Protein backbone atom coordinates (compact mmCIF):
# COMPACT_ATOMS: atom_id res chain seq x y z
CA MET A 1 4.55 -14.84 -6.72
CA ILE A 2 2.49 -17.78 -5.47
CA PHE A 3 5.24 -18.46 -2.94
CA PHE A 4 4.98 -14.90 -1.59
CA VAL A 5 1.19 -15.12 -1.40
CA ILE A 6 1.34 -18.31 0.65
CA VAL A 7 4.17 -17.20 2.94
CA LEU A 8 2.83 -13.71 3.54
CA SER A 9 -0.68 -15.05 4.14
CA GLY A 10 0.79 -17.28 6.83
CA VAL A 11 2.78 -14.40 8.31
CA ALA A 12 -0.34 -12.21 8.38
CA TYR A 13 -2.42 -14.96 9.97
CA LEU A 14 0.21 -15.60 12.64
CA SER A 15 0.35 -11.85 13.26
CA GLY A 16 -3.33 -11.81 14.12
CA CYS A 17 -4.91 -10.69 10.85
CA ARG A 18 -8.32 -12.29 10.47
CA SER A 19 -10.03 -10.09 7.88
CA PHE A 20 -9.39 -9.07 4.29
CA ARG A 21 -8.66 -5.46 5.20
CA THR A 22 -6.14 -6.11 7.96
CA THR A 23 -4.40 -8.80 5.92
CA PHE A 24 -4.22 -6.59 2.84
CA ILE A 25 -2.75 -3.67 4.79
CA HIS A 26 -0.31 -5.89 6.72
CA VAL A 27 1.00 -7.72 3.64
CA PHE A 28 1.19 -4.59 1.49
CA ILE A 29 3.17 -2.70 4.14
CA LEU A 30 5.59 -5.62 4.51
CA PHE A 31 6.06 -5.84 0.74
CA PHE A 32 6.34 -2.06 0.37
CA VAL A 33 8.98 -1.67 3.09
CA VAL A 34 11.13 -4.46 1.66
CA ASN A 35 10.76 -2.94 -1.81
CA ILE A 36 11.80 0.54 -0.64
CA TYR A 37 14.75 -0.97 1.28
CA ASP A 38 15.80 -2.76 -1.90
CA LEU A 39 15.56 0.47 -3.89
CA ILE A 40 17.42 2.77 -1.51
CA VAL A 41 19.99 0.52 0.16
CA LEU A 42 20.70 -2.24 -2.33
CA ASP A 43 20.07 -0.60 -5.71
CA TRP A 44 21.03 3.04 -5.12
CA GLY A 45 23.44 2.58 -2.23
CA ILE A 46 25.38 -0.48 -3.26
CA PHE A 47 24.71 -1.46 -6.88
CA CYS A 48 24.98 2.02 -8.38
CA HIS A 49 28.25 2.78 -6.60
CA SER A 50 30.14 -0.51 -6.33
CA LYS A 51 32.44 -1.43 -9.19
CA LYS A 52 32.81 -4.95 -7.74
CA LEU A 53 29.25 -5.81 -8.81
CA ARG A 54 29.77 -4.90 -12.47
CA ILE A 55 29.27 -7.58 -15.11
CA SER A 56 32.57 -8.26 -16.85
CA GLY A 57 32.72 -6.61 -20.25
CA THR A 58 30.46 -3.72 -19.18
CA GLU A 59 32.99 -1.68 -17.23
CA ASP A 60 32.66 1.21 -19.72
CA MET A 61 28.89 1.56 -19.08
CA GLU A 62 29.29 3.91 -16.10
CA LYS A 63 26.29 6.06 -17.08
CA GLU A 64 23.96 3.05 -17.36
CA TYR A 65 25.01 1.68 -13.98
CA LYS A 66 24.21 5.01 -12.30
CA ASP A 67 20.75 5.35 -13.89
CA TYR A 68 18.66 5.87 -10.76
CA MET A 69 15.37 6.06 -12.68
CA PHE A 70 15.85 2.50 -13.95
CA HIS A 71 15.72 1.33 -10.35
CA VAL A 72 12.72 3.57 -9.57
CA ARG A 73 10.80 2.00 -12.47
CA GLY A 74 11.66 -1.43 -11.09
CA ALA A 75 10.45 -0.37 -7.64
CA CYS A 76 7.16 0.81 -9.15
CA ILE A 77 6.71 -2.60 -10.76
CA GLY A 78 7.50 -4.14 -7.37
CA ILE A 79 4.81 -2.01 -5.73
CA GLY A 80 2.31 -3.23 -8.33
CA LEU A 81 3.28 -6.82 -7.63
CA GLY A 82 2.94 -6.09 -3.92
CA LEU A 83 -0.64 -4.94 -4.50
CA VAL A 84 -1.45 -8.20 -6.27
CA VAL A 85 0.20 -10.28 -3.54
CA ALA A 86 -1.63 -8.32 -0.83
CA LEU A 87 -4.98 -8.75 -2.60
CA LEU A 88 -4.51 -12.49 -3.00
CA SER A 89 -3.33 -12.86 0.59
CA GLY A 90 -6.36 -10.92 1.77
CA PHE A 91 -8.67 -13.20 -0.18
CA ILE A 92 -7.00 -16.31 1.25
CA ILE A 93 -7.44 -15.10 4.83
CA HIS A 94 -10.96 -13.84 4.17
CA PHE A 95 -12.27 -17.05 2.59
CA CYS A 96 -10.28 -19.60 4.58
CA PHE A 97 -9.93 -18.19 8.07
CA ALA A 98 -12.54 -15.44 8.52
CA VAL A 99 -14.35 -15.69 11.81
């Protein structure tokens, strides 16, 4: 998580964010969009429907692999982590680079 805070703070700064509010919004939107892409395309689109990605020995767990709510819960946790990353990034920009 520290890695994401540092990298996304740098991305926000290079994108012109110079206040807590703009940095928070910028970083949270970036994190949120990647999280939703992961949920819809990777988890629901590929993982739930591809038998090539199954762990050997679990081929009979078809119902568990197609549990969409499991992935939604994971996305909600990701959104919470995104809030924390955005807050910390906002603080870094605010205290280190505020004009």
